[in-house]
Amino acid sequence: MFGNLLGDMEERQKALKEQLTQVMVNGEAADGMIKIEANATREITNISIDPEFLKDADAEELEDLLLVAINRTLSKAAETEAAETQKLIQDMLPPGMGNMFGM
């Protein structure tokens, strides 16, 4: 009984991870001049820097703004991952049991 349940859970976790790689989130800094894209598994997939920004920016400013944009993006990715994981858990519980645990 539990062997099948655990096997099913592993399959669902794999499916969730695959699904999360397809969910994209974005973060930015410097009024959108620096944009970061990542998937919900927190993998950075793209970094875009407006060439106009680079004309007047120095290395330290660029580094600081990249950190801001990356951290914003990864925060969104973590929130998305948590929400999708929560949905998976609720789908696995028998009907009506999700409310028992404050889900």
PDB file of N, CA and C in Angstrom:
ATOM      1  N   MET A   1       0.816  -1.198   0.000  1.00  0.00           N
ATOM      2  CA  MET A   1       0.000   0.000   0.000  1.00  0.00           C
ATOM      3  C   MET A   1       0.862   1.264   0.000  1.00  0.00           C
ATOM      4  N   PHE A   2       1.774   1.335   0.983  1.00  0.00           N
ATOM      5  CA  PHE A   2       2.588   2.542   1.077  1.00  0.00           C
ATOM      6  C   PHE A   2       3.653   2.600  -0.006  1.00  0.00           C
ATOM      7  N   GLY A   3       4.100   1.423  -0.492  1.00  0.00           N
ATOM      8  CA  GLY A   3       5.084   1.405  -1.569  1.00  0.00           C
ATOM      9  C   GLY A   3       4.563   2.107  -2.802  1.00  0.00           C
ATOM     10  N   ASN A   4       3.326   1.845  -3.165  1.00  0.00           N
ATOM     11  CA  ASN A   4       2.721   2.498  -4.323  1.00  0.00           C
ATOM     12  C   ASN A   4       2.561   3.993  -4.073  1.00  0.00           C
ATOM     13  N   LEU A   5       2.172   4.347  -2.858  1.00  0.00           N
ATOM     14  CA  LEU A   5       1.997   5.759  -2.507  1.00  0.00           C
ATOM     15  C   LEU A   5       3.324   6.506  -2.625  1.00  0.00           C
ATOM     16  N   LEU A   6       4.398   5.888  -2.104  1.00  0.00           N
ATOM     17  CA  LEU A   6       5.704   6.544  -2.170  1.00  0.00           C
ATOM     18  C   LEU A   6       6.210   6.624  -3.604  1.00  0.00           C
ATOM     19  N   GLY A   7       5.986   5.584  -4.377  1.00  0.00           N
ATOM     20  CA  GLY A   7       6.380   5.612  -5.786  1.00  0.00           C
ATOM     21  C   GLY A   7       5.629   6.685  -6.537  1.00  0.00           C
ATOM     22  N   ASP A   8       4.347   6.813  -6.246  1.00  0.00           N
ATOM     23  CA  ASP A   8       3.524   7.841  -6.871  1.00  0.00           C
ATOM     24  C   ASP A   8       4.031   9.226  -6.477  1.00  0.00           C
ATOM     25  N   MET A   9       4.448   9.383  -5.218  1.00  0.00           N
ATOM     26  CA  MET A   9       4.948  10.678  -4.755  1.00  0.00           C
ATOM     27  C   MET A   9       6.235  11.036  -5.489  1.00  0.00           C
ATOM     28  N   GLU A  10       7.111  10.064  -5.680  1.00  0.00           N
ATOM     29  CA  GLU A  10       8.355  10.331  -6.407  1.00  0.00           C
ATOM     30  C   GLU A  10       8.066  10.777  -7.831  1.00  0.00           C
ATOM     31  N   GLU A  11       7.116  10.120  -8.473  1.00  0.00           N
ATOM     32  CA  GLU A  11       6.743  10.500  -9.833  1.00  0.00           C
ATOM     33  C   GLU A  11       6.172  11.912  -9.865  1.00  0.00           C
ATOM     34  N   ARG A  12       5.343  12.224  -8.881  1.00  0.00           N
ATOM     35  CA  ARG A  12       4.752  13.569  -8.826  1.00  0.00           C
ATOM     36  C   ARG A  12       5.823  14.627  -8.569  1.00  0.00           C
ATOM     37  N   GLN A  13       6.800  14.299  -7.726  1.00  0.00           N
ATOM     38  CA  GLN A  13       7.886  15.248  -7.469  1.00  0.00           C
ATOM     39  C   GLN A  13       8.693  15.500  -8.741  1.00  0.00           C
ATOM     40  N   LYS A  14       8.969  14.446  -9.494  1.00  0.00           N
ATOM     41  CA  LYS A  14       9.688  14.606 -10.763  1.00  0.00           C
ATOM     42  C   LYS A  14       8.885  15.462 -11.729  1.00  0.00           C
ATOM     43  N   ALA A  15       7.586  15.197 -11.797  1.00  0.00           N
ATOM     44  CA  ALA A  15       6.718  15.978 -12.683  1.00  0.00           C
ATOM     45  C   ALA A  15       6.676  17.436 -12.247  1.00  0.00           C
ATOM     46  N   LEU A  16       6.630  17.657 -10.926  1.00  0.00           N
ATOM     47  CA  LEU A  16       6.608  19.028 -10.408  1.00  0.00           C
ATOM     48  C   LEU A  16       7.899  19.746 -10.779  1.00  0.00           C
ATOM     49  N   LYS A  17       9.031  19.088 -10.598  1.00  0.00           N
ATOM     50  CA  LYS A  17      10.309  19.724 -10.927  1.00  0.00           C
ATOM     51  C   LYS A  17      10.356  20.090 -12.408  1.00  0.00           C
ATOM     52  N   GLU A  18       9.890  19.184 -13.253  1.00  0.00           N
ATOM     53  CA  GLU A  18       9.856  19.466 -14.691  1.00  0.00           C
ATOM     54  C   GLU A  18       8.938  20.647 -14.987  1.00  0.00           C
ATOM     55  N   GLN A  19       7.789  20.676 -14.312  1.00  0.00           N
ATOM     56  CA  GLN A  19       6.842  21.775 -14.503  1.00  0.00           C
ATOM     57  C   GLN A  19       7.462  23.093 -14.051  1.00  0.00           C
ATOM     58  N   LEU A  20       8.176  23.071 -12.940  1.00  0.00           N
ATOM     59  CA  LEU A  20       8.785  24.291 -12.416  1.00  0.00           C
ATOM     60  C   LEU A  20       9.867  24.838 -13.341  1.00  0.00           C
ATOM     61  N   THR A  21      10.516  23.973 -14.099  1.00  0.00           N
ATOM     62  CA  THR A  21      11.534  24.471 -15.031  1.00  0.00           C
ATOM     63  C   THR A  21      10.903  25.256 -16.169  1.00  0.00           C
ATOM     64  N   GLN A  22       9.603  25.074 -16.382  1.00  0.00           N
ATOM     65  CA  GLN A  22       8.896  25.779 -17.452  1.00  0.00           C
ATOM     66  C   GLN A  22       8.256  27.089 -16.983  1.00  0.00           C
ATOM     67  N   VAL A  23       8.165  27.290 -15.657  1.00  0.00           N
ATOM     68  CA  VAL A  23       7.547  28.495 -15.111  1.00  0.00           C
ATOM     69  C   VAL A  23       8.627  29.562 -14.965  1.00  0.00           C
ATOM     70  N   MET A  24       8.455  30.669 -15.663  1.00  0.00           N
ATOM     71  CA  MET A  24       9.474  31.719 -15.658  1.00  0.00           C
ATOM     72  C   MET A  24       9.048  32.892 -14.778  1.00  0.00           C
ATOM     73  N   VAL A  25      10.022  33.467 -14.089  1.00  0.00           N
ATOM     74  CA  VAL A  25       9.800  34.660 -13.271  1.00  0.00           C
ATOM     75  C   VAL A  25      10.856  35.687 -13.650  1.00  0.00           C
ATOM     76  N   ASN A  26      10.555  36.949 -13.386  1.00  0.00           N
ATOM     77  CA  ASN A  26      11.455  38.044 -13.752  1.00  0.00           C
ATOM     78  C   ASN A  26      11.679  38.966 -12.576  1.00  0.00           C
ATOM     79  N   GLY A  27      12.846  39.566 -12.559  1.00  0.00           N
ATOM     80  CA  GLY A  27      13.166  40.613 -11.604  1.00  0.00           C
ATOM     81  C   GLY A  27      13.974  41.668 -12.333  1.00  0.00           C
ATOM     82  N   GLU A  28      13.960  42.860 -11.782  1.00  0.00           N
ATOM     83  CA  GLU A  28      14.702  43.928 -12.454  1.00  0.00           C
ATOM     84  C   GLU A  28      15.229  44.931 -11.449  1.00  0.00           C
ATOM     85  N   ALA A  29      16.086  45.792 -11.938  1.00  0.00           N
ATOM     86  CA  ALA A  29      16.654  46.889 -11.152  1.00  0.00           C
ATOM     87  C   ALA A  29      16.907  48.045 -12.109  1.00  0.00           C
ATOM     88  N   ALA A  30      17.182  49.186 -11.548  1.00  0.00           N
ATOM     89  CA  ALA A  30      17.485  50.398 -12.325  1.00  0.00           C
ATOM     90  C   ALA A  30      16.366  50.701 -13.319  1.00  0.00           C
ATOM     91  N   ASP A  31      15.145  50.696 -12.800  1.00  0.00           N
ATOM     92  CA  ASP A  31      13.967  51.008 -13.626  1.00  0.00           C
ATOM     93  C   ASP A  31      13.895  50.148 -14.889  1.00  0.00           C
ATOM     94  N   GLY A  32      14.227  48.874 -14.744  1.00  0.00           N
ATOM     95  CA  GLY A  32      14.115  47.944 -15.861  1.00  0.00           C
ATOM     96  C   GLY A  32      15.306  47.897 -16.793  1.00  0.00           C
ATOM     97  N   MET A  33      16.351  48.644 -16.468  1.00  0.00           N
ATOM     98  CA  MET A  33      17.523  48.616 -17.343  1.00  0.00           C
ATOM     99  C   MET A  33      18.325  47.332 -17.166  1.00  0.00           C
ATOM    100  N   ILE A  34      18.150  46.685 -16.015  1.00  0.00           N
ATOM    101  CA  ILE A  34      18.762  45.382 -15.762  1.00  0.00           C
ATOM    102  C   ILE A  34      17.623  44.420 -15.481  1.00  0.00           C
ATOM    103  N   LYS A  35      17.546  43.361 -16.272  1.00  0.00           N
ATOM    104  CA  LYS A  35      16.466  42.381 -16.128  1.00  0.00           C
ATOM    105  C   LYS A  35      17.066  40.986 -15.995  1.00  0.00           C
ATOM    106  N   ILE A  36      16.496  40.237 -15.078  1.00  0.00           N
ATOM    107  CA  ILE A  36      16.933  38.870 -14.841  1.00  0.00           C
ATOM    108  C   ILE A  36      15.729  37.964 -15.021  1.00  0.00           C
ATOM    109  N   GLU A  37      15.927  36.844 -15.678  1.00  0.00           N
ATOM    110  CA  GLU A  37      14.867  35.850 -15.841  1.00  0.00           C
ATOM    111  C   GLU A  37      15.369  34.536 -15.257  1.00  0.00           C
ATOM    112  N   ALA A  38      14.477  33.846 -14.562  1.00  0.00           N
ATOM    113  CA  ALA A  38      14.815  32.542 -13.987  1.00  0.00           C
ATOM    114  C   ALA A  38      13.584  31.657 -14.054  1.00  0.00           C
ATOM    115  N   ASN A  39      13.818  30.359 -13.890  1.00  0.00           N
ATOM    116  CA  ASN A  39      12.666  29.475 -13.780  1.00  0.00           C
ATOM    117  C   ASN A  39      12.367  29.251 -12.296  1.00  0.00           C
ATOM    118  N   ALA A  40      11.281  28.560 -12.022  1.00  0.00           N
ATOM    119  CA  ALA A  40      10.854  28.388 -10.631  1.00  0.00           C
ATOM    120  C   ALA A  40      11.703  27.376  -9.866  1.00  0.00           C
ATOM    121  N   THR A  41      12.692  26.778 -10.513  1.00  0.00           N
ATOM    122  CA  THR A  41      13.655  25.956  -9.792  1.00  0.00           C
ATOM    123  C   THR A  41      14.892  26.786  -9.438  1.00  0.00           C
ATOM    124  N   ARG A  42      14.774  28.088  -9.638  1.00  0.00           N
ATOM    125  CA  ARG A  42      15.793  29.076  -9.276  1.00  0.00           C
ATOM    126  C   ARG A  42      17.051  28.985 -10.122  1.00  0.00           C
ATOM    127  N   GLU A  43      16.877  28.656 -11.379  1.00  0.00           N
ATOM    128  CA  GLU A  43      17.981  28.681 -12.332  1.00  0.00           C
ATOM    129  C   GLU A  43      17.863  29.954 -13.162  1.00  0.00           C
ATOM    130  N   ILE A  44      18.907  30.759 -13.156  1.00  0.00           N
ATOM    131  CA  ILE A  44      18.927  31.971 -13.961  1.00  0.00           C
ATOM    132  C   ILE A  44      18.993  31.552 -15.427  1.00  0.00           C
ATOM    133  N   THR A  45      18.063  32.058 -16.233  1.00  0.00           N
ATOM    134  CA  THR A  45      18.019  31.675 -17.647  1.00  0.00           C
ATOM    135  C   THR A  45      18.411  32.819 -18.580  1.00  0.00           C
ATOM    136  N   ASN A  46      18.358  34.062 -18.084  1.00  0.00           N
ATOM    137  CA  ASN A  46      18.719  35.185 -18.945  1.00  0.00           C
ATOM    138  C   ASN A  46      19.045  36.405 -18.095  1.00  0.00           C
ATOM    139  N   ILE A  47      20.031  37.157 -18.544  1.00  0.00           N
ATOM    140  CA  ILE A  47      20.376  38.449 -17.954  1.00  0.00           C
ATOM    141  C   ILE A  47      20.419  39.449 -19.092  1.00  0.00           C
ATOM    142  N   SER A  48      19.690  40.541 -18.924  1.00  0.00           N
ATOM    143  CA  SER A  48      19.634  41.565 -19.961  1.00  0.00           C
ATOM    144  C   SER A  48      20.003  42.917 -19.346  1.00  0.00           C
ATOM    145  N   ILE A  49      20.960  43.581 -19.958  1.00  0.00           N
ATOM    146  CA  ILE A  49      21.392  44.904 -19.494  1.00  0.00           C
ATOM    147  C   ILE A  49      21.264  45.869 -20.656  1.00  0.00           C
ATOM    148  N   ASP A  50      20.495  46.920 -20.452  1.00  0.00           N
ATOM    149  CA  ASP A  50      20.291  47.930 -21.483  1.00  0.00           C
ATOM    150  C   ASP A  50      21.632  48.598 -21.802  1.00  0.00           C
ATOM    151  N   PRO A  51      22.021  48.650 -23.058  1.00  0.00           N
ATOM    152  CA  PRO A  51      23.295  49.276 -23.437  1.00  0.00           C
ATOM    153  C   PRO A  51      23.399  50.739 -22.988  1.00  0.00           C
ATOM    154  N   GLU A  52      22.285  51.427 -22.922  1.00  0.00           N
ATOM    155  CA  GLU A  52      22.305  52.825 -22.454  1.00  0.00           C
ATOM    156  C   GLU A  52      22.795  52.921 -21.011  1.00  0.00           C
ATOM    157  N   PHE A  53      22.409  51.943 -20.205  1.00  0.00           N
ATOM    158  CA  PHE A  53      22.849  51.931 -18.806  1.00  0.00           C
ATOM    159  C   PHE A  53      24.367  51.800 -18.722  1.00  0.00           C
ATOM    160  N   LEU A  54      24.925  50.979 -19.587  1.00  0.00           N
ATOM    161  CA  LEU A  54      26.362  50.712 -19.537  1.00  0.00           C
ATOM    162  C   LEU A  54      27.214  51.920 -19.930  1.00  0.00           C
ATOM    163  N   LYS A  55      26.631  52.879 -20.630  1.00  0.00           N
ATOM    164  CA  LYS A  55      27.394  54.055 -21.045  1.00  0.00           C
ATOM    165  C   LYS A  55      27.904  54.862 -19.862  1.00  0.00           C
ATOM    166  N   ASP A  56      27.095  54.941 -18.804  1.00  0.00           N
ATOM    167  CA  ASP A  56      27.461  55.786 -17.658  1.00  0.00           C
ATOM    168  C   ASP A  56      27.730  55.003 -16.380  1.00  0.00           C
ATOM    169  N   ALA A  57      27.517  53.705 -16.373  1.00  0.00           N
ATOM    170  CA  ALA A  57      27.648  52.913 -15.149  1.00  0.00           C
ATOM    171  C   ALA A  57      29.105  52.515 -14.916  1.00  0.00           C
ATOM    172  N   ASP A  58      29.438  52.380 -13.645  1.00  0.00           N
ATOM    173  CA  ASP A  58      30.744  51.817 -13.325  1.00  0.00           C
ATOM    174  C   ASP A  58      30.540  50.383 -12.839  1.00  0.00           C
ATOM    175  N   ALA A  59      31.623  49.663 -12.695  1.00  0.00           N
ATOM    176  CA  ALA A  59      31.561  48.238 -12.354  1.00  0.00           C
ATOM    177  C   ALA A  59      30.848  48.005 -11.019  1.00  0.00           C
ATOM    178  N   GLU A  60      31.146  48.821 -10.019  1.00  0.00           N
ATOM    179  CA  GLU A  60      30.548  48.637  -8.695  1.00  0.00           C
ATOM    180  C   GLU A  60      29.031  48.841  -8.740  1.00  0.00           C
ATOM    181  N   GLU A  61      28.586  49.860  -9.464  1.00  0.00           N
ATOM    182  CA  GLU A  61      27.155  50.111  -9.602  1.00  0.00           C
ATOM    183  C   GLU A  61      26.477  48.937 -10.308  1.00  0.00           C
ATOM    184  N   LEU A  62      27.084  48.455 -11.376  1.00  0.00           N
ATOM    185  CA  LEU A  62      26.534  47.323 -12.109  1.00  0.00           C
ATOM    186  C   LEU A  62      26.449  46.088 -11.217  1.00  0.00           C
ATOM    187  N   GLU A  63      27.493  45.812 -10.476  1.00  0.00           N
ATOM    188  CA  GLU A  63      27.496  44.655  -9.575  1.00  0.00           C
ATOM    189  C   GLU A  63      26.384  44.760  -8.544  1.00  0.00           C
ATOM    190  N   ASP A  64      26.240  45.939  -7.932  1.00  0.00           N
ATOM    191  CA  ASP A  64      25.197  46.141  -6.921  1.00  0.00           C
ATOM    192  C   ASP A  64      23.807  45.940  -7.501  1.00  0.00           C
ATOM    193  N   LEU A  65      23.560  46.498  -8.673  1.00  0.00           N
ATOM    194  CA  LEU A  65      22.242  46.383  -9.283  1.00  0.00           C
ATOM    195  C   LEU A  65      21.958  44.966  -9.783  1.00  0.00           C
ATOM    196  N   LEU A  66      22.991  44.275 -10.234  1.00  0.00           N
ATOM    197  CA  LEU A  66      22.813  42.877 -10.607  1.00  0.00           C
ATOM    198  C   LEU A  66      22.397  42.047  -9.396  1.00  0.00           C
ATOM    199  N   LEU A  67      23.038  42.295  -8.266  1.00  0.00           N
ATOM    200  CA  LEU A  67      22.661  41.584  -7.038  1.00  0.00           C
ATOM    201  C   LEU A  67      21.204  41.846  -6.669  1.00  0.00           C
ATOM    202  N   VAL A  68      20.788  43.099  -6.765  1.00  0.00           N
ATOM    203  CA  VAL A  68      19.391  43.449  -6.449  1.00  0.00           C
ATOM    204  C   VAL A  68      18.440  42.698  -7.378  1.00  0.00           C
ATOM    205  N   ALA A  69      18.697  42.762  -8.663  1.00  0.00           N
ATOM    206  CA  ALA A  69      17.811  42.122  -9.645  1.00  0.00           C
ATOM    207  C   ALA A  69      17.799  40.601  -9.484  1.00  0.00           C
ATOM    208  N   ILE A  70      18.955  40.008  -9.266  1.00  0.00           N
ATOM    209  CA  ILE A  70      19.027  38.558  -9.088  1.00  0.00           C
ATOM    210  C   ILE A  70      18.285  38.137  -7.831  1.00  0.00           C
ATOM    211  N   ASN A  71      18.495  38.840  -6.740  1.00  0.00           N
ATOM    212  CA  ASN A  71      17.816  38.480  -5.493  1.00  0.00           C
ATOM    213  C   ASN A  71      16.301  38.637  -5.607  1.00  0.00           C
ATOM    214  N   ARG A  72      15.844  39.654  -6.293  1.00  0.00           N
ATOM    215  CA  ARG A  72      14.404  39.818  -6.511  1.00  0.00           C
ATOM    216  C   ARG A  72      13.846  38.646  -7.323  1.00  0.00           C
ATOM    217  N   THR A  73      14.574  38.267  -8.349  1.00  0.00           N
ATOM    218  CA  THR A  73      14.139  37.173  -9.207  1.00  0.00           C
ATOM    219  C   THR A  73      14.115  35.853  -8.449  1.00  0.00           C
ATOM    220  N   LEU A  74      15.159  35.577  -7.708  1.00  0.00           N
ATOM    221  CA  LEU A  74      15.216  34.317  -6.958  1.00  0.00           C
ATOM    222  C   LEU A  74      14.150  34.266  -5.864  1.00  0.00           C
ATOM    223  N   SER A  75      13.838  35.410  -5.285  1.00  0.00           N
ATOM    224  CA  SER A  75      12.759  35.463  -4.292  1.00  0.00           C
ATOM    225  C   SER A  75      11.418  35.102  -4.932  1.00  0.00           C
ATOM    226  N   LYS A  76      11.154  35.651  -6.105  1.00  0.00           N
ATOM    227  CA  LYS A  76       9.921  35.316  -6.825  1.00  0.00           C
ATOM    228  C   LYS A  76       9.897  33.837  -7.198  1.00  0.00           C
ATOM    229  N   ALA A  77      11.038  33.313  -7.605  1.00  0.00           N
ATOM    230  CA  ALA A  77      11.115  31.900  -7.971  1.00  0.00           C
ATOM    231  C   ALA A  77      10.821  31.018  -6.766  1.00  0.00           C
ATOM    232  N   ALA A  78      11.358  31.376  -5.610  1.00  0.00           N
ATOM    233  CA  ALA A  78      11.115  30.596  -4.396  1.00  0.00           C
ATOM    234  C   ALA A  78       9.635  30.632  -4.013  1.00  0.00           C
ATOM    235  N   GLU A  79       9.004  31.804  -4.127  1.00  0.00           N
ATOM    236  CA  GLU A  79       7.575  31.922  -3.821  1.00  0.00           C
ATOM    237  C   GLU A  79       6.754  31.060  -4.774  1.00  0.00           C
ATOM    238  N   THR A  80       7.111  31.085  -6.044  1.00  0.00           N
ATOM    239  CA  THR A  80       6.389  30.292  -7.040  1.00  0.00           C
ATOM    240  C   THR A  80       6.574  28.806  -6.775  1.00  0.00           C
ATOM    241  N   GLU A  81       7.797  28.411  -6.461  1.00  0.00           N
ATOM    242  CA  GLU A  81       8.062  27.004  -6.156  1.00  0.00           C
ATOM    243  C   GLU A  81       7.252  26.551  -4.948  1.00  0.00           C
ATOM    244  N   ALA A  82       7.196  27.372  -3.910  1.00  0.00           N
ATOM    245  CA  ALA A  82       6.432  27.019  -2.709  1.00  0.00           C
ATOM    246  C   ALA A  82       4.943  26.880  -3.019  1.00  0.00           C
ATOM    247  N   ALA A  83       4.412  27.786  -3.810  1.00  0.00           N
ATOM    248  CA  ALA A  83       2.990  27.730  -4.153  1.00  0.00           C
ATOM    249  C   ALA A  83       2.674  26.484  -4.970  1.00  0.00           C
ATOM    250  N   GLU A  84       3.525  26.151  -5.924  1.00  0.00           N
ATOM    251  CA  GLU A  84       3.295  24.968  -6.754  1.00  0.00           C
ATOM    252  C   GLU A  84       3.443  23.684  -5.929  1.00  0.00           C
ATOM    253  N   THR A  85       4.388  23.667  -5.011  1.00  0.00           N
ATOM    254  CA  THR A  85       4.566  22.509  -4.133  1.00  0.00           C
ATOM    255  C   THR A  85       3.355  22.343  -3.232  1.00  0.00           C
ATOM    256  N   GLN A  86       2.839  23.450  -2.729  1.00  0.00           N
ATOM    257  CA  GLN A  86       1.641  23.419  -1.889  1.00  0.00           C
ATOM    258  C   GLN A  86       0.467  22.812  -2.652  1.00  0.00           C
ATOM    259  N   LYS A  87       0.322  23.188  -3.911  1.00  0.00           N
ATOM    260  CA  LYS A  87      -0.753  22.632  -4.742  1.00  0.00           C
ATOM    261  C   LYS A  87      -0.583  21.123  -4.883  1.00  0.00           C
ATOM    262  N   LEU A  88       0.653  20.677  -5.105  1.00  0.00           N
ATOM    263  CA  LEU A  88       0.921  19.252  -5.252  1.00  0.00           C
ATOM    264  C   LEU A  88       0.525  18.506  -3.985  1.00  0.00           C
ATOM    265  N   ILE A  89       0.884  19.036  -2.843  1.00  0.00           N
ATOM    266  CA  ILE A  89       0.561  18.385  -1.572  1.00  0.00           C
ATOM    267  C   ILE A  89      -0.947  18.297  -1.399  1.00  0.00           C
ATOM    268  N   GLN A  90      -1.639  19.382  -1.692  1.00  0.00           N
ATOM    269  CA  GLN A  90      -3.100  19.366  -1.555  1.00  0.00           C
ATOM    270  C   GLN A  90      -3.734  18.368  -2.506  1.00  0.00           C
ATOM    271  N   ASP A  91      -3.185  18.230  -3.713  1.00  0.00           N
ATOM    272  CA  ASP A  91      -3.714  17.274  -4.681  1.00  0.00           C
ATOM    273  C   ASP A  91      -3.515  15.839  -4.214  1.00  0.00           C
ATOM    274  N   MET A  92      -2.488  15.609  -3.421  1.00  0.00           N
ATOM    275  CA  MET A  92      -2.189  14.259  -2.957  1.00  0.00           C
ATOM    276  C   MET A  92      -3.047  13.848  -1.759  1.00  0.00           C
ATOM    277  N   LEU A  93      -3.538  14.825  -1.003  1.00  0.00           N
ATOM    278  CA  LEU A  93      -4.339  14.512   0.179  1.00  0.00           C
ATOM    279  C   LEU A  93      -5.752  14.114  -0.220  1.00  0.00           C
ATOM    280  N   PRO A  94      -6.356  13.221   0.552  1.00  0.00           N
ATOM    281  CA  PRO A  94      -7.759  12.895   0.291  1.00  0.00           C
ATOM    282  C   PRO A  94      -8.630  14.146   0.411  1.00  0.00           C
ATOM    283  N   PRO A  95      -9.748  14.198  -0.306  1.00  0.00           N
ATOM    284  CA  PRO A  95     -10.627  15.379  -0.252  1.00  0.00           C
ATOM    285  C   PRO A  95     -10.994  15.750   1.181  1.00  0.00           C
ATOM    286  N   GLY A  96     -10.891  17.041   1.472  1.00  0.00           N
ATOM    287  CA  GLY A  96     -11.259  17.557   2.785  1.00  0.00           C
ATOM    288  C   GLY A  96     -10.148  17.552   3.808  1.00  0.00           C
ATOM    289  N   MET A  97      -9.051  16.871   3.553  1.00  0.00           N
ATOM    290  CA  MET A  97      -7.979  16.790   4.540  1.00  0.00           C
ATOM    291  C   MET A  97      -7.018  17.976   4.483  1.00  0.00           C
ATOM    292  N   GLY A  98      -7.013  18.703   3.375  1.00  0.00           N
ATOM    293  CA  GLY A  98      -6.110  19.845   3.254  1.00  0.00           C
ATOM    294  C   GLY A  98      -6.370  20.901   4.313  1.00  0.00           C
ATOM    295  N   ASN A  99      -7.607  21.081   4.699  1.00  0.00           N
ATOM    296  CA  ASN A  99      -7.951  22.092   5.704  1.00  0.00           C
ATOM    297  C   ASN A  99      -7.505  21.690   7.105  1.00  0.00           C
ATOM    298  N   MET A 100      -7.262  20.416   7.325  1.00  0.00           N
ATOM    299  CA  MET A 100      -6.837  19.949   8.639  1.00  0.00           C
ATOM    300  C   MET A 100      -5.470  20.501   9.028  1.00  0.00           C
ATOM    301  N   PHE A 101      -4.646  20.791   8.038  1.00  0.00           N
ATOM    302  CA  PHE A 101      -3.291  21.225   8.298  1.00  0.00           C
ATOM    303  C   PHE A 101      -3.075  22.692   7.961  1.00  0.00           C
ATOM    304  N   GLY A 102      -4.160  23.436   7.807  1.00  0.00           N
ATOM    305  CA  GLY A 102      -4.063  24.862   7.507  1.00  0.00           C
ATOM    306  C   GLY A 102      -3.592  25.164   6.108  1.00  0.00           C
ATOM    307  N   MET A 103      -3.796  24.231   5.186  1.00  0.00           N
ATOM    308  CA  MET A 103      -3.334  24.422   3.798  1.00  0.00           C
ATOM    309  C   MET A 103      -4.365  25.109   2.987  1.00  0.00           C
TER     310      MET A 103
END
